[in-house]
Amino acid sequence: MAVAFTREEDLETRASDLPDRPISPHPNLVTQNGLDLIEQALAEARAAYAAAQTDSVSADRTAMARATRDLRYWSARRASAQLTEPAAEGDTVQFGRTVDIEREDGRRQSFRIVGEDEADPAAGSISYVSPLARALMGKSVGDVASVAGEVEIISVR
């Protein structure tokens, strides 16, 4: 076959190859803030989908593929969300609580243990499925956990 009769990859072909966002196999535990963030992301995905539908057929179809992918992801995350709040009292590390730790080198850090979609370590929140959170869960003030060295729990709130 002559090169003149081959077709270059077009935008529609690339759009159809856009992979889905992976959905975690873990239960989708969320705090109230995490649920609000999911609902906000779902609303944004719906708006992006509506906007992509109104674009002309000749427009870049990757916008529609991206909007459809995000809408599927956030719809699934909203449908599987399990609102989980910690007990009002207690000094045990659990989902939704903030824990202050001290590392072996003397550094102190605070993290709130939250759902996967809400986690942002730079902002002080970690996913409950992270190695650090798993090592801390169920422990109390004064307990030591091993995660890339030892950390001591200073406070739980």
N, C-alpha and C. Protein backbone atom coordinates (compact mmCIF):
# COMPACT_ATOMS: atom_id res chain seq x y z
N MET A 1 0.85 -1.17 0.00
CA MET A 1 0.00 0.00 0.00
C MET A 1 0.90 1.23 0.00
N ALA A 2 0.52 2.19 -0.77
CA ALA A 2 1.29 3.42 -0.86
C ALA A 2 1.06 4.28 0.38
N VAL A 3 2.07 5.04 0.71
CA VAL A 3 1.99 5.93 1.86
C VAL A 3 0.88 6.94 1.69
N ALA A 4 0.56 7.29 0.48
CA ALA A 4 -0.48 8.28 0.22
C ALA A 4 -1.84 7.83 0.72
N PHE A 5 -2.02 6.51 0.86
CA PHE A 5 -3.32 6.01 1.27
C PHE A 5 -3.41 5.69 2.77
N THR A 6 -2.37 5.96 3.51
CA THR A 6 -2.45 5.74 4.95
C THR A 6 -2.95 6.99 5.64
N ARG A 7 -3.59 6.80 6.73
CA ARG A 7 -4.18 7.93 7.44
C ARG A 7 -3.38 8.22 8.71
N GLU A 8 -3.03 9.46 8.89
CA GLU A 8 -2.33 9.86 10.11
C GLU A 8 -3.29 9.74 11.29
N GLU A 9 -2.74 9.52 12.46
CA GLU A 9 -3.57 9.47 13.66
C GLU A 9 -4.26 10.81 13.84
N ASP A 10 -5.57 10.79 14.01
CA ASP A 10 -6.30 12.03 14.17
C ASP A 10 -6.75 12.21 15.62
N LEU A 11 -7.33 13.34 15.90
CA LEU A 11 -7.74 13.66 17.27
C LEU A 11 -8.80 12.70 17.79
N GLU A 12 -9.69 12.25 16.92
CA GLU A 12 -10.74 11.34 17.36
C GLU A 12 -10.17 10.01 17.81
N THR A 13 -9.15 9.52 17.10
CA THR A 13 -8.51 8.28 17.49
C THR A 13 -7.83 8.43 18.84
N ARG A 14 -7.11 9.54 19.04
CA ARG A 14 -6.45 9.77 20.32
C ARG A 14 -7.46 9.89 21.44
N ALA A 15 -8.59 10.53 21.18
CA ALA A 15 -9.62 10.70 22.21
C ALA A 15 -10.18 9.35 22.64
N SER A 16 -10.34 8.44 21.70
CA SER A 16 -10.90 7.13 22.06
C SER A 16 -9.90 6.29 22.84
N ASP A 17 -8.62 6.64 22.80
CA ASP A 17 -7.60 5.89 23.54
C ASP A 17 -7.36 6.43 24.95
N LEU A 18 -8.12 7.43 25.36
CA LEU A 18 -7.93 8.03 26.68
C LEU A 18 -8.33 7.00 27.75
N PRO A 19 -7.39 6.58 28.60
CA PRO A 19 -7.72 5.54 29.59
C PRO A 19 -8.58 6.09 30.72
N ASP A 20 -9.37 5.21 31.32
CA ASP A 20 -10.17 5.59 32.48
C ASP A 20 -9.26 5.86 33.66
N ARG A 21 -9.73 6.71 34.57
CA ARG A 21 -9.00 6.94 35.82
C ARG A 21 -9.20 5.70 36.68
N PRO A 22 -8.12 5.17 37.24
CA PRO A 22 -8.28 3.96 38.06
C PRO A 22 -9.06 4.24 39.34
N ILE A 23 -9.92 3.31 39.69
CA ILE A 23 -10.71 3.43 40.92
C ILE A 23 -10.12 2.47 41.93
N SER A 24 -9.86 2.99 43.10
CA SER A 24 -9.22 2.23 44.17
C SER A 24 -10.07 1.02 44.57
N PRO A 25 -9.41 -0.08 44.91
CA PRO A 25 -10.15 -1.26 45.38
C PRO A 25 -10.55 -1.14 46.86
N HIS A 26 -10.04 -0.12 47.55
CA HIS A 26 -10.35 0.06 48.97
C HIS A 26 -11.72 0.70 49.15
N PRO A 27 -12.36 0.48 50.30
CA PRO A 27 -13.63 1.17 50.58
C PRO A 27 -13.43 2.68 50.46
N ASN A 28 -14.42 3.37 49.94
CA ASN A 28 -14.32 4.81 49.71
C ASN A 28 -14.80 5.57 50.95
N LEU A 29 -14.00 5.51 52.01
CA LEU A 29 -14.33 6.25 53.23
C LEU A 29 -14.06 7.73 53.00
N VAL A 30 -14.99 8.58 53.46
CA VAL A 30 -14.83 10.02 53.29
C VAL A 30 -15.25 10.75 54.56
N THR A 31 -14.62 11.89 54.79
CA THR A 31 -15.07 12.80 55.84
C THR A 31 -16.14 13.68 55.20
N GLN A 32 -16.79 14.51 55.97
CA GLN A 32 -17.78 15.43 55.38
C GLN A 32 -17.11 16.34 54.37
N ASN A 33 -15.91 16.83 54.69
CA ASN A 33 -15.17 17.67 53.75
C ASN A 33 -14.83 16.90 52.47
N GLY A 34 -14.44 15.64 52.61
CA GLY A 34 -14.14 14.81 51.45
C GLY A 34 -15.36 14.60 50.58
N LEU A 35 -16.52 14.39 51.20
CA LEU A 35 -17.76 14.23 50.45
C LEU A 35 -18.10 15.51 49.70
N ASP A 36 -17.90 16.65 50.36
CA ASP A 36 -18.14 17.94 49.69
C ASP A 36 -17.21 18.12 48.49
N LEU A 37 -15.95 17.71 48.63
CA LEU A 37 -15.00 17.82 47.52
C LEU A 37 -15.40 16.92 46.36
N ILE A 38 -15.87 15.72 46.66
CA ILE A 38 -16.32 14.80 45.60
C ILE A 38 -17.52 15.40 44.88
N GLU A 39 -18.48 15.94 45.63
CA GLU A 39 -19.65 16.54 45.00
C GLU A 39 -19.28 17.75 44.15
N GLN A 40 -18.31 18.53 44.59
CA GLN A 40 -17.83 19.66 43.80
C GLN A 40 -17.17 19.18 42.51
N ALA A 41 -16.32 18.15 42.62
CA ALA A 41 -15.65 17.61 41.43
C ALA A 41 -16.68 17.00 40.47
N LEU A 42 -17.72 16.37 41.00
CA LEU A 42 -18.78 15.80 40.16
C LEU A 42 -19.53 16.90 39.43
N ALA A 43 -19.84 17.99 40.12
CA ALA A 43 -20.52 19.13 39.48
C ALA A 43 -19.65 19.72 38.38
N GLU A 44 -18.35 19.84 38.63
CA GLU A 44 -17.43 20.37 37.61
C GLU A 44 -17.36 19.43 36.41
N ALA A 45 -17.36 18.12 36.67
CA ALA A 45 -17.33 17.15 35.58
C ALA A 45 -18.60 17.22 34.75
N ARG A 46 -19.74 17.38 35.41
CA ARG A 46 -21.00 17.52 34.67
C ARG A 46 -20.99 18.77 33.81
N ALA A 47 -20.46 19.87 34.35
CA ALA A 47 -20.39 21.12 33.59
C ALA A 47 -19.45 20.97 32.40
N ALA A 48 -18.32 20.31 32.60
CA ALA A 48 -17.37 20.10 31.50
C ALA A 48 -17.98 19.21 30.42
N TYR A 49 -18.76 18.21 30.84
CA TYR A 49 -19.42 17.33 29.88
C TYR A 49 -20.45 18.10 29.07
N ALA A 50 -21.25 18.93 29.75
CA ALA A 50 -22.26 19.75 29.05
C ALA A 50 -21.59 20.71 28.09
N ALA A 51 -20.48 21.31 28.50
CA ALA A 51 -19.76 22.23 27.63
C ALA A 51 -19.18 21.50 26.43
N ALA A 52 -18.68 20.30 26.63
CA ALA A 52 -18.10 19.53 25.53
C ALA A 52 -19.18 19.10 24.54
N GLN A 53 -20.39 18.86 25.02
CA GLN A 53 -21.49 18.48 24.13
C GLN A 53 -21.91 19.64 23.23
N THR A 54 -21.78 20.86 23.71
CA THR A 54 -22.22 22.01 22.92
C THR A 54 -21.19 22.44 21.89
N ASP A 55 -19.93 21.95 22.03
CA ASP A 55 -18.91 22.28 21.03
C ASP A 55 -19.29 21.65 19.69
N SER A 56 -18.81 22.25 18.63
CA SER A 56 -19.12 21.72 17.30
C SER A 56 -18.41 20.39 17.09
N VAL A 57 -18.91 19.62 16.14
CA VAL A 57 -18.37 18.30 15.85
C VAL A 57 -16.91 18.38 15.42
N SER A 58 -16.54 19.46 14.78
CA SER A 58 -15.17 19.58 14.29
C SER A 58 -14.18 19.96 15.40
N ALA A 59 -14.67 20.25 16.58
CA ALA A 59 -13.79 20.64 17.69
C ALA A 59 -12.97 19.45 18.16
N ASP A 60 -11.98 19.71 18.94
CA ASP A 60 -11.12 18.68 19.51
C ASP A 60 -11.95 17.74 20.38
N ARG A 61 -12.01 16.48 20.02
CA ARG A 61 -12.84 15.52 20.74
C ARG A 61 -12.20 15.04 22.05
N THR A 62 -10.97 15.43 22.29
CA THR A 62 -10.35 15.02 23.55
C THR A 62 -11.06 15.68 24.73
N ALA A 63 -11.64 16.85 24.53
CA ALA A 63 -12.38 17.50 25.61
C ALA A 63 -13.58 16.65 26.01
N MET A 64 -14.28 16.09 25.04
CA MET A 64 -15.44 15.22 25.33
C MET A 64 -14.97 13.93 26.01
N ALA A 65 -13.88 13.36 25.52
CA ALA A 65 -13.37 12.12 26.12
C ALA A 65 -12.93 12.37 27.56
N ARG A 66 -12.25 13.48 27.80
CA ARG A 66 -11.79 13.83 29.15
C ARG A 66 -12.98 14.07 30.08
N ALA A 67 -13.98 14.79 29.58
CA ALA A 67 -15.17 15.09 30.39
C ALA A 67 -15.94 13.81 30.70
N THR A 68 -16.06 12.93 29.74
CA THR A 68 -16.77 11.67 29.95
C THR A 68 -16.03 10.80 30.96
N ARG A 69 -14.71 10.74 30.81
CA ARG A 69 -13.90 9.95 31.74
C ARG A 69 -14.04 10.49 33.16
N ASP A 70 -13.93 11.82 33.34
CA ASP A 70 -14.03 12.41 34.67
C ASP A 70 -15.43 12.23 35.26
N LEU A 71 -16.44 12.34 34.41
CA LEU A 71 -17.81 12.15 34.88
C LEU A 71 -18.02 10.72 35.38
N ARG A 72 -17.49 9.74 34.65
CA ARG A 72 -17.59 8.34 35.11
C ARG A 72 -16.87 8.14 36.44
N TYR A 73 -15.67 8.71 36.55
CA TYR A 73 -14.88 8.53 37.77
C TYR A 73 -15.58 9.15 38.97
N TRP A 74 -15.96 10.43 38.86
CA TRP A 74 -16.56 11.10 40.02
C TRP A 74 -17.95 10.57 40.34
N SER A 75 -18.69 10.09 39.35
CA SER A 75 -19.98 9.45 39.62
C SER A 75 -19.78 8.17 40.43
N ALA A 76 -18.78 7.39 40.05
CA ALA A 76 -18.49 6.14 40.77
C ALA A 76 -18.01 6.45 42.19
N ARG A 77 -17.17 7.46 42.34
CA ARG A 77 -16.66 7.81 43.67
C ARG A 77 -17.78 8.33 44.57
N ARG A 78 -18.71 9.09 44.00
CA ARG A 78 -19.85 9.60 44.79
C ARG A 78 -20.76 8.46 45.19
N ALA A 79 -21.01 7.54 44.26
CA ALA A 79 -21.91 6.42 44.54
C ALA A 79 -21.34 5.49 45.62
N SER A 80 -20.03 5.37 45.69
CA SER A 80 -19.41 4.45 46.65
C SER A 80 -18.96 5.13 47.94
N ALA A 81 -19.15 6.44 48.05
CA ALA A 81 -18.68 7.18 49.22
C ALA A 81 -19.40 6.72 50.49
N GLN A 82 -18.61 6.51 51.55
CA GLN A 82 -19.14 6.11 52.85
C GLN A 82 -18.72 7.18 53.86
N LEU A 83 -19.66 8.04 54.22
CA LEU A 83 -19.37 9.10 55.18
C LEU A 83 -19.00 8.47 56.52
N THR A 84 -17.81 8.81 57.00
CA THR A 84 -17.28 8.22 58.22
C THR A 84 -16.70 9.33 59.09
N GLU A 85 -17.22 9.45 60.29
CA GLU A 85 -16.71 10.46 61.23
C GLU A 85 -16.19 9.74 62.46
N PRO A 86 -15.11 10.26 63.07
CA PRO A 86 -14.56 9.61 64.27
C PRO A 86 -15.50 9.80 65.46
N ALA A 87 -15.32 8.95 66.47
CA ALA A 87 -16.08 9.08 67.72
C ALA A 87 -15.74 10.43 68.34
N ALA A 88 -16.70 11.01 69.05
CA ALA A 88 -16.52 12.34 69.63
C ALA A 88 -15.39 12.37 70.65
N GLU A 89 -15.26 11.35 71.43
CA GLU A 89 -14.24 11.29 72.47
C GLU A 89 -13.22 10.20 72.12
N GLY A 90 -12.06 10.31 72.69
CA GLY A 90 -11.08 9.24 72.52
C GLY A 90 -9.71 9.76 72.14
N ASP A 91 -8.71 8.96 72.47
CA ASP A 91 -7.35 9.34 72.14
C ASP A 91 -6.69 8.30 71.24
N THR A 92 -7.50 7.53 70.54
CA THR A 92 -7.02 6.51 69.63
C THR A 92 -7.00 7.06 68.21
N VAL A 93 -5.95 6.75 67.47
CA VAL A 93 -5.84 7.19 66.08
C VAL A 93 -6.87 6.43 65.25
N GLN A 94 -7.71 7.18 64.55
CA GLN A 94 -8.71 6.57 63.67
C GLN A 94 -9.02 7.53 62.53
N PHE A 95 -9.78 7.02 61.58
CA PHE A 95 -10.16 7.81 60.41
C PHE A 95 -10.82 9.12 60.84
N GLY A 96 -10.39 10.22 60.22
CA GLY A 96 -10.98 11.52 60.48
C GLY A 96 -10.29 12.31 61.58
N ARG A 97 -9.41 11.70 62.32
CA ARG A 97 -8.70 12.40 63.40
C ARG A 97 -7.37 12.95 62.91
N THR A 98 -6.87 13.93 63.66
CA THR A 98 -5.56 14.49 63.40
C THR A 98 -4.60 13.92 64.42
N VAL A 99 -3.45 13.49 63.95
CA VAL A 99 -2.44 12.90 64.83
C VAL A 99 -1.14 13.69 64.69
N ASP A 100 -0.54 13.98 65.82
CA ASP A 100 0.76 14.64 65.86
C ASP A 100 1.80 13.57 66.17
N ILE A 101 2.86 13.52 65.36
CA ILE A 101 3.90 12.51 65.57
C ILE A 101 5.26 13.19 65.70
N GLU A 102 6.17 12.47 66.31
CA GLU A 102 7.56 12.91 66.37
C GLU A 102 8.42 11.80 65.77
N ARG A 103 9.23 12.18 64.81
CA ARG A 103 10.11 11.21 64.14
C ARG A 103 11.39 11.03 64.94
N GLU A 104 12.17 10.02 64.57
CA GLU A 104 13.42 9.72 65.27
C GLU A 104 14.39 10.90 65.28
N ASP A 105 14.36 11.69 64.20
CA ASP A 105 15.29 12.83 64.09
C ASP A 105 14.77 14.07 64.81
N GLY A 106 13.63 13.96 65.52
CA GLY A 106 13.10 15.07 66.29
C GLY A 106 12.06 15.92 65.56
N ARG A 107 11.88 15.68 64.27
CA ARG A 107 10.87 16.45 63.52
C ARG A 107 9.47 16.07 64.00
N ARG A 108 8.64 17.10 64.15
CA ARG A 108 7.23 16.86 64.50
C ARG A 108 6.37 17.18 63.29
N GLN A 109 5.36 16.37 63.10
CA GLN A 109 4.43 16.55 61.98
C GLN A 109 3.02 16.26 62.45
N SER A 110 2.06 16.90 61.81
CA SER A 110 0.64 16.66 62.07
C SER A 110 -0.02 16.23 60.77
N PHE A 111 -0.84 15.21 60.86
CA PHE A 111 -1.60 14.75 59.70
C PHE A 111 -3.02 14.40 60.12
N ARG A 112 -3.96 14.75 59.27
CA ARG A 112 -5.33 14.30 59.45
C ARG A 112 -5.50 13.09 58.54
N ILE A 113 -6.09 12.04 59.05
CA ILE A 113 -6.29 10.81 58.29
C ILE A 113 -7.66 10.89 57.62
N VAL A 114 -7.64 10.88 56.28
CA VAL A 114 -8.84 11.11 55.48
C VAL A 114 -8.95 10.08 54.35
N GLY A 115 -9.96 10.25 53.51
CA GLY A 115 -10.16 9.38 52.36
C GLY A 115 -9.15 9.64 51.26
N GLU A 116 -9.09 8.74 50.31
CA GLU A 116 -8.09 8.81 49.25
C GLU A 116 -8.21 10.06 48.37
N ASP A 117 -9.42 10.45 48.03
CA ASP A 117 -9.61 11.61 47.15
C ASP A 117 -9.33 12.93 47.88
N GLU A 118 -9.40 12.93 49.18
CA GLU A 118 -9.21 14.14 49.97
C GLU A 118 -7.75 14.33 50.40
N ALA A 119 -6.97 13.26 50.36
CA ALA A 119 -5.60 13.29 50.87
C ALA A 119 -4.73 14.28 50.11
N ASP A 120 -3.96 15.06 50.88
CA ASP A 120 -3.00 16.02 50.34
C ASP A 120 -1.92 16.22 51.40
N PRO A 121 -0.86 15.40 51.36
CA PRO A 121 0.17 15.49 52.40
C PRO A 121 0.76 16.88 52.57
N ALA A 122 0.91 17.63 51.50
CA ALA A 122 1.45 18.99 51.61
C ALA A 122 0.53 19.89 52.43
N ALA A 123 -0.77 19.58 52.45
CA ALA A 123 -1.73 20.37 53.21
C ALA A 123 -2.03 19.73 54.57
N GLY A 124 -1.33 18.63 54.91
CA GLY A 124 -1.50 18.03 56.22
C GLY A 124 -2.54 16.94 56.31
N SER A 125 -2.89 16.31 55.21
CA SER A 125 -3.84 15.20 55.27
C SER A 125 -3.28 14.01 54.48
N ILE A 126 -3.45 12.82 55.05
CA ILE A 126 -2.97 11.61 54.39
C ILE A 126 -4.12 10.60 54.27
N SER A 127 -4.03 9.77 53.26
CA SER A 127 -5.03 8.74 53.03
C SER A 127 -4.96 7.66 54.10
N TYR A 128 -6.11 7.15 54.45
CA TYR A 128 -6.16 6.10 55.47
C TYR A 128 -5.50 4.81 54.99
N VAL A 129 -5.26 4.67 53.70
CA VAL A 129 -4.60 3.47 53.18
C VAL A 129 -3.09 3.68 53.00
N SER A 130 -2.59 4.86 53.34
CA SER A 130 -1.16 5.12 53.23
C SER A 130 -0.41 4.30 54.29
N PRO A 131 0.85 3.98 54.04
CA PRO A 131 1.61 3.20 55.02
C PRO A 131 1.68 3.87 56.40
N LEU A 132 1.84 5.19 56.43
CA LEU A 132 1.91 5.88 57.72
C LEU A 132 0.59 5.76 58.47
N ALA A 133 -0.51 6.03 57.80
CA ALA A 133 -1.82 5.95 58.46
C ALA A 133 -2.10 4.53 58.94
N ARG A 134 -1.78 3.55 58.13
CA ARG A 134 -2.00 2.16 58.53
C ARG A 134 -1.21 1.80 59.78
N ALA A 135 0.04 2.30 59.85
CA ALA A 135 0.88 2.01 61.01
C ALA A 135 0.37 2.70 62.27
N LEU A 136 -0.30 3.83 62.11
CA LEU A 136 -0.78 4.60 63.27
C LEU A 136 -2.17 4.19 63.75
N MET A 137 -3.00 3.67 62.86
CA MET A 137 -4.38 3.35 63.21
C MET A 137 -4.46 2.44 64.43
N GLY A 138 -5.34 2.82 65.35
CA GLY A 138 -5.59 2.02 66.54
C GLY A 138 -4.61 2.28 67.68
N LYS A 139 -3.59 3.07 67.43
CA LYS A 139 -2.61 3.38 68.47
C LYS A 139 -3.04 4.62 69.24
N SER A 140 -2.42 4.84 70.39
CA SER A 140 -2.76 5.97 71.27
C SER A 140 -1.52 6.80 71.55
N VAL A 141 -1.73 7.91 72.26
CA VAL A 141 -0.64 8.81 72.64
C VAL A 141 0.42 8.01 73.40
N GLY A 142 1.69 8.22 73.01
CA GLY A 142 2.81 7.52 73.63
C GLY A 142 3.22 6.26 72.91
N ASP A 143 2.33 5.71 72.06
CA ASP A 143 2.67 4.50 71.31
C ASP A 143 3.67 4.84 70.22
N VAL A 144 4.42 3.83 69.80
CA VAL A 144 5.43 3.98 68.75
C VAL A 144 5.01 3.10 67.58
N ALA A 145 5.18 3.63 66.37
CA ALA A 145 4.89 2.88 65.15
C ALA A 145 6.13 2.88 64.27
N SER A 146 6.31 1.81 63.52
CA SER A 146 7.45 1.71 62.62
C SER A 146 7.02 1.94 61.18
N VAL A 147 7.54 3.02 60.60
CA VAL A 147 7.31 3.34 59.20
C VAL A 147 8.55 4.09 58.74
N ALA A 148 9.42 3.43 57.98
CA ALA A 148 10.67 4.06 57.55
C ALA A 148 11.35 4.71 58.76
N GLY A 149 11.50 3.94 59.79
CA GLY A 149 11.99 4.45 61.06
C GLY A 149 10.83 4.46 62.05
N GLU A 150 11.10 4.89 63.24
CA GLU A 150 10.05 4.90 64.25
C GLU A 150 9.47 6.29 64.42
N VAL A 151 8.18 6.34 64.69
CA VAL A 151 7.49 7.60 65.00
C VAL A 151 6.72 7.40 66.29
N GLU A 152 6.70 8.42 67.12
CA GLU A 152 5.93 8.35 68.38
C GLU A 152 4.73 9.27 68.26
N ILE A 153 3.60 8.78 68.74
CA ILE A 153 2.38 9.57 68.71
C ILE A 153 2.41 10.54 69.89
N ILE A 154 2.34 11.84 69.59
CA ILE A 154 2.40 12.89 70.60
C ILE A 154 0.99 13.28 71.07
N SER A 155 0.07 13.40 70.10
CA SER A 155 -1.32 13.74 70.46
C SER A 155 -2.26 13.27 69.36
N VAL A 156 -3.51 13.11 69.75
CA VAL A 156 -4.58 12.72 68.82
C VAL A 156 -5.75 13.65 69.10
N ARG A 157 -6.27 14.27 68.06
CA ARG A 157 -7.42 15.15 68.24
C ARG A 157 -8.40 14.98 67.11
